[in-house]
PDB file of N, CA and C in Angstrom:
ATOM      1  N   MET A   1      44.300  15.686 -10.170  1.00  0.00           N
ATOM      2  CA  MET A   1      45.506  15.092  -9.460  1.00  0.00           C
ATOM      3  C   MET A   1      45.676  13.705  -9.961  1.00  0.00           C
ATOM      4  N   PRO A   2      46.838  13.368 -10.449  1.00  0.00           N
ATOM      5  CA  PRO A   2      47.163  11.967 -11.014  1.00  0.00           C
ATOM      6  C   PRO A   2      47.150  10.922  -9.984  1.00  0.00           C
ATOM      7  N   ASN A   3      46.607   9.639 -10.344  1.00  0.00           N
ATOM      8  CA  ASN A   3      46.612   8.678  -9.392  1.00  0.00           C
ATOM      9  C   ASN A   3      47.976   8.053  -9.179  1.00  0.00           C
ATOM     10  N   SER A   4      48.180   7.429  -8.108  1.00  0.00           N
ATOM     11  CA  SER A   4      49.397   6.925  -7.662  1.00  0.00           C
ATOM     12  C   SER A   4      49.120   5.794  -6.576  1.00  0.00           C
ATOM     13  N   ALA A   5      50.144   5.162  -6.180  1.00  0.00           N
ATOM     14  CA  ALA A   5      49.928   4.167  -5.125  1.00  0.00           C
ATOM     15  C   ALA A   5      49.416   4.624  -3.878  1.00  0.00           C
ATOM     16  N   GLU A   6      49.781   6.025  -3.587  1.00  0.00           N
ATOM     17  CA  GLU A   6      49.398   6.633  -2.416  1.00  0.00           C
ATOM     18  C   GLU A   6      47.992   7.192  -2.606  1.00  0.00           C
ATOM     19  N   ARG A   7      47.622   7.492  -3.780  1.00  0.00           N
ATOM     20  CA  ARG A   7      46.330   8.062  -4.049  1.00  0.00           C
ATOM     21  C   ARG A   7      45.478   7.279  -5.188  1.00  0.00           C
ATOM     22  N   PRO A   8      44.853   6.161  -4.829  1.00  0.00           N
ATOM     23  CA  PRO A   8      44.223   5.488  -5.933  1.00  0.00           C
ATOM     24  C   PRO A   8      43.071   6.065  -6.488  1.00  0.00           C
ATOM     25  N   ARG A   9      42.610   5.572  -7.680  1.00  0.00           N
ATOM     26  CA  ARG A   9      41.408   6.242  -8.461  1.00  0.00           C
ATOM     27  C   ARG A   9      40.280   6.038  -7.699  1.00  0.00           C
ATOM     28  N   ARG A  10      39.371   6.997  -7.337  1.00  0.00           N
ATOM     29  CA  ARG A  10      38.009   6.824  -6.582  1.00  0.00           C
ATOM     30  C   ARG A  10      36.879   6.511  -7.541  1.00  0.00           C
ATOM     31  N   VAL A  11      36.146   5.538  -7.101  1.00  0.00           N
ATOM     32  CA  VAL A  11      35.016   5.069  -7.836  1.00  0.00           C
ATOM     33  C   VAL A  11      33.714   5.112  -6.808  1.00  0.00           C
ATOM     34  N   THR A  12      32.707   5.615  -7.344  1.00  0.00           N
ATOM     35  CA  THR A  12      31.487   5.861  -6.512  1.00  0.00           C
ATOM     36  C   THR A  12      30.476   5.059  -7.078  1.00  0.00           C
ATOM     37  N   VAL A  13      29.808   4.129  -6.306  1.00  0.00           N
ATOM     38  CA  VAL A  13      28.682   3.167  -6.657  1.00  0.00           C
ATOM     39  C   VAL A  13      27.443   3.845  -6.217  1.00  0.00           C
ATOM     40  N   ASP A  14      26.443   4.033  -7.111  1.00  0.00           N
ATOM     41  CA  ASP A  14      25.047   4.403  -6.659  1.00  0.00           C
ATOM     42  C   ASP A  14      24.074   3.267  -7.228  1.00  0.00           C
ATOM     43  N   ARG A  15      23.251   2.644  -6.372  1.00  0.00           N
ATOM     44  CA  ARG A  15      22.315   1.604  -6.962  1.00  0.00           C
ATOM     45  C   ARG A  15      21.270   2.164  -7.867  1.00  0.00           C
ATOM     46  N   GLU A  16      21.042   3.434  -7.751  1.00  0.00           N
ATOM     47  CA  GLU A  16      20.014   4.039  -8.643  1.00  0.00           C
ATOM     48  C   GLU A  16      20.692   4.820  -9.914  1.00  0.00           C
ATOM     49  N   GLY A  17      21.930   4.798  -9.980  1.00  0.00           N
ATOM     50  CA  GLY A  17      22.308   5.632 -11.012  1.00  0.00           C
ATOM     51  C   GLY A  17      23.670   5.075 -11.625  1.00  0.00           C
ATOM     52  N   PRO A  18      24.519   5.931 -12.205  1.00  0.00           N
ATOM     53  CA  PRO A  18      25.725   5.430 -12.822  1.00  0.00           C
ATOM     54  C   PRO A  18      26.987   5.154 -11.962  1.00  0.00           C
ATOM     55  N   LEU A  19      27.891   4.499 -12.440  1.00  0.00           N
ATOM     56  CA  LEU A  19      29.203   4.374 -11.601  1.00  0.00           C
ATOM     57  C   LEU A  19      30.032   5.480 -11.984  1.00  0.00           C
ATOM     58  N   LEU A  20      30.360   6.254 -10.987  1.00  0.00           N
ATOM     59  CA  LEU A  20      31.254   7.439 -11.138  1.00  0.00           C
ATOM     60  C   LEU A  20      32.759   7.214 -10.828  1.00  0.00           C
ATOM     61  N   ILE A  21      33.617   7.545 -11.689  1.00  0.00           N
ATOM     62  CA  ILE A  21      34.974   7.221 -11.730  1.00  0.00           C
ATOM     63  C   ILE A  21      35.729   8.529 -12.110  1.00  0.00           C
ATOM     64  N   GLU A  22      36.744   8.801 -11.122  1.00  0.00           N
ATOM     65  CA  GLU A  22      37.587   9.975 -11.282  1.00  0.00           C
ATOM     66  C   GLU A  22      38.304   9.765 -12.538  1.00  0.00           C
ATOM     67  N   GLY A  23      38.359  10.800 -13.430  1.00  0.00           N
ATOM     68  CA  GLY A  23      38.921  10.700 -14.868  1.00  0.00           C
ATOM     69  C   GLY A  23      40.331  11.339 -14.685  1.00  0.00           C
ATOM     70  N   PRO A  24      40.957  11.249 -15.935  1.00  0.00           N
ATOM     71  CA  PRO A  24      40.382  10.769 -17.228  1.00  0.00           C
ATOM     72  C   PRO A  24      40.390   9.042 -17.133  1.00  0.00           C
ATOM     73  N   VAL A  25      39.424   8.609 -17.962  1.00  0.00           N
ATOM     74  CA  VAL A  25      39.369   7.061 -17.964  1.00  0.00           C
ATOM     75  C   VAL A  25      39.232   6.625 -19.365  1.00  0.00           C
ATOM     76  N   GLU A  26      39.531   5.274 -19.475  1.00  0.00           N
ATOM     77  CA  GLU A  26      39.566   4.494 -20.791  1.00  0.00           C
ATOM     78  C   GLU A  26      38.657   3.399 -20.393  1.00  0.00           C
ATOM     79  N   VAL A  27      37.658   3.280 -21.218  1.00  0.00           N
ATOM     80  CA  VAL A  27      36.704   2.028 -21.082  1.00  0.00           C
ATOM     81  C   VAL A  27      36.658   1.076 -22.271  1.00  0.00           C
ATOM     82  N   THR A  28      36.994  -0.179 -22.104  1.00  0.00           N
ATOM     83  CA  THR A  28      36.878  -1.118 -23.173  1.00  0.00           C
ATOM     84  C   THR A  28      35.731  -2.023 -23.029  1.00  0.00           C
ATOM     85  N   ASP A  29      34.753  -1.957 -24.011  1.00  0.00           N
ATOM     86  CA  ASP A  29      33.631  -2.637 -23.957  1.00  0.00           C
ATOM     87  C   ASP A  29      33.702  -4.052 -24.465  1.00  0.00           C
ATOM     88  N   GLY A  30      32.596  -4.871 -24.446  1.00  0.00           N
ATOM     89  CA  GLY A  30      32.695  -6.241 -24.718  1.00  0.00           C
ATOM     90  C   GLY A  30      33.234  -6.654 -26.075  1.00  0.00           C
ATOM     91  N   ASP A  31      33.091  -5.750 -27.165  1.00  0.00           N
ATOM     92  CA  ASP A  31      33.603  -6.093 -28.420  1.00  0.00           C
ATOM     93  C   ASP A  31      35.018  -5.535 -28.639  1.00  0.00           C
ATOM     94  N   GLY A  32      35.499  -5.027 -27.601  1.00  0.00           N
ATOM     95  CA  GLY A  32      37.085  -4.534 -27.799  1.00  0.00           C
ATOM     96  C   GLY A  32      37.188  -3.104 -28.186  1.00  0.00           C
ATOM     97  N   THR A  33      35.931  -2.328 -28.369  1.00  0.00           N
ATOM     98  CA  THR A  33      36.061  -0.968 -28.665  1.00  0.00           C
ATOM     99  C   THR A  33      36.431  -0.231 -27.515  1.00  0.00           C
ATOM    100  N   THR A  34      37.335   0.969 -27.569  1.00  0.00           N
ATOM    101  CA  THR A  34      37.760   1.689 -26.494  1.00  0.00           C
ATOM    102  C   THR A  34      37.206   2.952 -26.706  1.00  0.00           C
ATOM    103  N   HIS A  35      36.869   3.543 -25.411  1.00  0.00           N
ATOM    104  CA  HIS A  35      36.167   4.688 -25.243  1.00  0.00           C
ATOM    105  C   HIS A  35      36.891   5.562 -24.308  1.00  0.00           C
ATOM    106  N   VAL A  36      37.216   6.735 -24.549  1.00  0.00           N
ATOM    107  CA  VAL A  36      38.087   7.584 -23.628  1.00  0.00           C
ATOM    108  C   VAL A  36      37.277   8.870 -23.169  1.00  0.00           C
ATOM    109  N   SER A  37      37.383   9.247 -21.935  1.00  0.00           N
ATOM    110  CA  SER A  37      36.859  10.562 -21.474  1.00  0.00           C
ATOM    111  C   SER A  37      38.022  11.161 -20.738  1.00  0.00           C
ATOM    112  N   ARG A  38      38.120  12.483 -21.030  1.00  0.00           N
ATOM    113  CA  ARG A  38      39.276  13.124 -20.344  1.00  0.00           C
ATOM    114  C   ARG A  38      38.572  14.217 -19.334  1.00  0.00           C
ATOM    115  N   ARG A  39      37.417  13.983 -19.050  1.00  0.00           N
ATOM    116  CA  ARG A  39      36.860  14.733 -17.930  1.00  0.00           C
ATOM    117  C   ARG A  39      37.405  14.479 -16.607  1.00  0.00           C
ATOM    118  N   PHE A  40      37.029  15.337 -15.626  1.00  0.00           N
ATOM    119  CA  PHE A  40      37.582  15.144 -14.274  1.00  0.00           C
ATOM    120  C   PHE A  40      36.815  13.824 -13.628  1.00  0.00           C
ATOM    121  N   GLN A  41      35.702  13.680 -14.102  1.00  0.00           N
ATOM    122  CA  GLN A  41      34.783  12.435 -13.652  1.00  0.00           C
ATOM    123  C   GLN A  41      33.981  11.936 -14.689  1.00  0.00           C
ATOM    124  N   ALA A  42      33.979  10.584 -14.796  1.00  0.00           N
ATOM    125  CA  ALA A  42      33.165  10.072 -15.774  1.00  0.00           C
ATOM    126  C   ALA A  42      31.976   9.192 -15.165  1.00  0.00           C
ATOM    127  N   ALA A  43      30.769   9.268 -15.821  1.00  0.00           N
ATOM    128  CA  ALA A  43      29.652   8.514 -15.335  1.00  0.00           C
ATOM    129  C   ALA A  43      29.401   7.301 -16.410  1.00  0.00           C
ATOM    130  N   ILE A  44      29.653   6.097 -15.797  1.00  0.00           N
ATOM    131  CA  ILE A  44      29.566   4.868 -16.603  1.00  0.00           C
ATOM    132  C   ILE A  44      28.120   4.265 -16.369  1.00  0.00           C
ATOM    133  N   CYS A  45      27.398   4.042 -17.368  1.00  0.00           N
ATOM    134  CA  CYS A  45      26.044   3.647 -17.412  1.00  0.00           C
ATOM    135  C   CYS A  45      26.008   2.129 -16.893  1.00  0.00           C
ATOM    136  N   THR A  46      25.248   1.879 -15.972  1.00  0.00           N
ATOM    137  CA  THR A  46      25.001   0.464 -15.339  1.00  0.00           C
ATOM    138  C   THR A  46      23.758  -0.141 -15.739  1.00  0.00           C
ATOM    139  N   CYS A  47      22.733   0.782 -16.242  1.00  0.00           N
ATOM    140  CA  CYS A  47      21.429   0.235 -16.437  1.00  0.00           C
ATOM    141  C   CYS A  47      21.214  -0.338 -18.034  1.00  0.00           C
ATOM    142  N   ARG A  48      22.210   0.133 -18.849  1.00  0.00           N
ATOM    143  CA  ARG A  48      22.183  -0.230 -20.250  1.00  0.00           C
ATOM    144  C   ARG A  48      21.159   0.390 -21.045  1.00  0.00           C
ATOM    145  N   ARG A  49      20.543   1.563 -20.452  1.00  0.00           N
ATOM    146  CA  ARG A  49      19.481   2.283 -21.212  1.00  0.00           C
ATOM    147  C   ARG A  49      20.045   3.501 -21.998  1.00  0.00           C
ATOM    148  N   SER A  50      21.203   3.946 -21.673  1.00  0.00           N
ATOM    149  CA  SER A  50      21.924   5.045 -22.267  1.00  0.00           C
ATOM    150  C   SER A  50      22.086   4.890 -23.874  1.00  0.00           C
ATOM    151  N   ARG A  51      21.769   6.043 -24.494  1.00  0.00           N
ATOM    152  CA  ARG A  51      21.905   5.984 -25.927  1.00  0.00           C
ATOM    153  C   ARG A  51      23.482   6.303 -26.242  1.00  0.00           C
ATOM    154  N   ALA A  52      24.164   6.785 -25.304  1.00  0.00           N
ATOM    155  CA  ALA A  52      25.594   7.183 -25.323  1.00  0.00           C
ATOM    156  C   ALA A  52      26.475   6.075 -24.737  1.00  0.00           C
ATOM    157  N   PHE A  53      25.910   4.947 -24.457  1.00  0.00           N
ATOM    158  CA  PHE A  53      26.632   3.745 -23.777  1.00  0.00           C
ATOM    159  C   PHE A  53      28.070   3.718 -24.345  1.00  0.00           C
ATOM    160  N   PRO A  54      29.248   3.611 -23.469  1.00  0.00           N
ATOM    161  CA  PRO A  54      29.138   3.253 -21.949  1.00  0.00           C
ATOM    162  C   PRO A  54      28.867   4.488 -21.044  1.00  0.00           C
ATOM    163  N   TRP A  55      28.777   5.711 -21.646  1.00  0.00           N
ATOM    164  CA  TRP A  55      28.754   6.764 -20.801  1.00  0.00           C
ATOM    165  C   TRP A  55      27.188   7.085 -20.475  1.00  0.00           C
ATOM    166  N   CYS A  56      26.830   7.398 -19.195  1.00  0.00           N
ATOM    167  CA  CYS A  56      25.542   7.717 -18.733  1.00  0.00           C
ATOM    168  C   CYS A  56      24.976   8.921 -19.328  1.00  0.00           C
ATOM    169  N   ASP A  57      23.726   8.868 -19.767  1.00  0.00           N
ATOM    170  CA  ASP A  57      22.931  10.001 -20.321  1.00  0.00           C
ATOM    171  C   ASP A  57      21.784  10.325 -19.620  1.00  0.00           C
ATOM    172  N   THR A  58      21.698   9.678 -18.287  1.00  0.00           N
ATOM    173  CA  THR A  58      20.654   9.899 -17.273  1.00  0.00           C
ATOM    174  C   THR A  58      19.154   9.112 -17.785  1.00  0.00           C
ATOM    175  N   SER A  59      19.328   8.323 -18.745  1.00  0.00           N
ATOM    176  CA  SER A  59      18.098   7.525 -19.139  1.00  0.00           C
ATOM    177  C   SER A  59      17.590   6.741 -17.973  1.00  0.00           C
ATOM    178  N   HIS A  60      18.359   6.397 -17.103  1.00  0.00           N
ATOM    179  CA  HIS A  60      17.726   5.681 -15.898  1.00  0.00           C
ATOM    180  C   HIS A  60      16.784   6.475 -15.179  1.00  0.00           C
ATOM    181  N   ARG A  61      16.730   7.707 -15.356  1.00  0.00           N
ATOM    182  CA  ARG A  61      15.680   8.609 -14.634  1.00  0.00           C
ATOM    183  C   ARG A  61      14.425   8.534 -15.280  1.00  0.00           C
ATOM    184  N   LYS A  62      14.439   8.156 -16.557  1.00  0.00           N
ATOM    185  CA  LYS A  62      13.056   8.225 -17.266  1.00  0.00           C
ATOM    186  C   LYS A  62      12.119   6.947 -17.162  1.00  0.00           C
ATOM    187  N   ARG A  63      12.682   5.965 -16.711  1.00  0.00           N
ATOM    188  CA  ARG A  63      11.785   4.747 -16.541  1.00  0.00           C
ATOM    189  C   ARG A  63      12.019   4.337 -15.079  1.00  0.00           C
ATOM    190  N   ARG A  64      10.904   3.804 -14.486  1.00  0.00           N
ATOM    191  CA  ARG A  64      10.978   3.268 -13.243  1.00  0.00           C
ATOM    192  C   ARG A  64      10.881   1.820 -13.300  1.00  0.00           C
ATOM    193  N   ARG A  65      11.531   1.128 -12.340  1.00  0.00           N
ATOM    194  CA  ARG A  65      11.542  -0.351 -12.271  1.00  0.00           C
ATOM    195  C   ARG A  65      10.247  -0.795 -11.967  1.00  0.00           C
ATOM    196  N   ALA A  66       9.885  -2.231 -12.414  1.00  0.00           N
ATOM    197  CA  ALA A  66       8.609  -2.679 -12.307  1.00  0.00           C
ATOM    198  C   ALA A  66       8.236  -2.767 -10.870  1.00  0.00           C
ATOM    199  N   THR A  67       9.198  -3.086  -9.969  1.00  0.00           N
ATOM    200  CA  THR A  67       9.087  -3.331  -8.476  1.00  0.00           C
ATOM    201  C   THR A  67       8.574  -1.942  -7.940  1.00  0.00           C
ATOM    202  N   ASP A  68       9.140  -0.761  -8.441  1.00  0.00           N
ATOM    203  CA  ASP A  68       8.714   0.594  -7.926  1.00  0.00           C
ATOM    204  C   ASP A  68       7.418   0.798  -8.293  1.00  0.00           C
ATOM    205  N   GLU A  69       6.935   0.519  -9.579  1.00  0.00           N
ATOM    206  CA  GLU A  69       5.605   0.810 -10.002  1.00  0.00           C
ATOM    207  C   GLU A  69       4.657   0.023  -9.376  1.00  0.00           C
ATOM    208  N   ALA A  70       4.908  -1.144  -8.963  1.00  0.00           N
ATOM    209  CA  ALA A  70       3.959  -2.087  -8.342  1.00  0.00           C
ATOM    210  C   ALA A  70       3.809  -1.408  -6.860  1.00  0.00           C
ATOM    211  N   ALA A  71       4.930  -1.177  -6.252  1.00  0.00           N
ATOM    212  CA  ALA A  71       4.720  -0.502  -4.911  1.00  0.00           C
ATOM    213  C   ALA A  71       3.889   0.684  -4.885  1.00  0.00           C
ATOM    214  N   THR A  72       4.055   1.582  -5.941  1.00  0.00           N
ATOM    215  CA  THR A  72       3.339   2.763  -5.961  1.00  0.00           C
ATOM    216  C   THR A  72       1.964   2.493  -6.262  1.00  0.00           C
ATOM    217  N   ASN A  73       1.659   1.541  -7.124  1.00  0.00           N
ATOM    218  CA  ASN A  73       0.138   1.288  -7.385  1.00  0.00           C
ATOM    219  C   ASN A  73      -0.398   0.635  -6.120  1.00  0.00           C
ATOM    220  N   SER A  74       0.133  -0.319  -5.426  1.00  0.00           N
ATOM    221  CA  SER A  74      -0.279  -0.868  -4.328  1.00  0.00           C
ATOM    222  C   SER A  74      -0.514   0.202  -3.170  1.00  0.00           C
ATOM    223  N   ASP A  75       0.346   1.137  -3.023  1.00  0.00           N
ATOM    224  CA  ASP A  75       0.197   2.170  -1.991  1.00  0.00           C
ATOM    225  C   ASP A  75      -0.890   3.003  -2.237  1.00  0.00           C
ATOM    226  N   ALA A  76      -1.226   3.408  -3.637  1.00  0.00           N
ATOM    227  CA  ALA A  76      -2.301   4.284  -4.011  1.00  0.00           C
ATOM    228  C   ALA A  76      -3.612   3.466  -3.737  1.00  0.00           C
ATOM    229  N   ALA A  77      -3.586   1.993  -4.044  1.00  0.00           N
ATOM    230  CA  ALA A  77      -4.851   1.413  -3.835  1.00  0.00           C
ATOM    231  C   ALA A  77      -5.198   1.302  -2.494  1.00  0.00           C
ATOM    232  N   MET A  78      -4.241   1.184  -1.595  1.00  0.00           N
ATOM    233  CA  MET A  78      -4.487   1.265  -0.116  1.00  0.00           C
ATOM    234  C   MET A  78      -5.119   2.562   0.294  1.00  0.00           C
ATOM    235  N   GLU A  79      -4.518   3.554  -0.147  1.00  0.00           N
ATOM    236  CA  GLU A  79      -5.182   4.917   0.166  1.00  0.00           C
ATOM    237  C   GLU A  79      -6.523   5.197  -0.371  1.00  0.00           C
ATOM    238  N   ARG A  80      -6.981   4.453  -1.275  1.00  0.00           N
ATOM    239  CA  ARG A  80      -8.334   4.597  -1.712  1.00  0.00           C
ATOM    240  C   ARG A  80      -9.184   3.475  -1.051  1.00  0.00           C
ATOM    241  N   GLY A  81      -8.569   2.642  -0.187  1.00  0.00           N
ATOM    242  CA  GLY A  81      -9.417   1.704   0.559  1.00  0.00           C
ATOM    243  C   GLY A  81      -9.532   0.463  -0.187  1.00  0.00           C
ATOM    244  N   GLU A  82      -8.889   0.323  -1.198  1.00  0.00           N
ATOM    245  CA  GLU A  82      -9.066  -1.041  -2.019  1.00  0.00           C
ATOM    246  C   GLU A  82      -8.041  -2.042  -1.458  1.00  0.00           C
ATOM    247  N   PRO A  83      -8.431  -3.269  -1.392  1.00  0.00           N
ATOM    248  CA  PRO A  83      -7.692  -4.489  -0.943  1.00  0.00           C
ATOM    249  C   PRO A  83      -6.365  -4.688  -1.654  1.00  0.00           C
TER     250      PRO A  83
END
């Protein structure tokens, strides 16, 4: 369905994933290159790990954040009774 003043484009923000935008979309990156997606929804990479940047290729799933790893290690140590 086309966008209009009555029906604006929907953008979904997920802190752990990509920015989802109802398509079709046109993205212009920092050097002026324009990228076009004609899909009904486009996933825009926000972690900059994607090999298909600006499109998300789910690379954010492969690496955990340092704070997540530290919390996991701390939890494991506590379960073993370590300080």
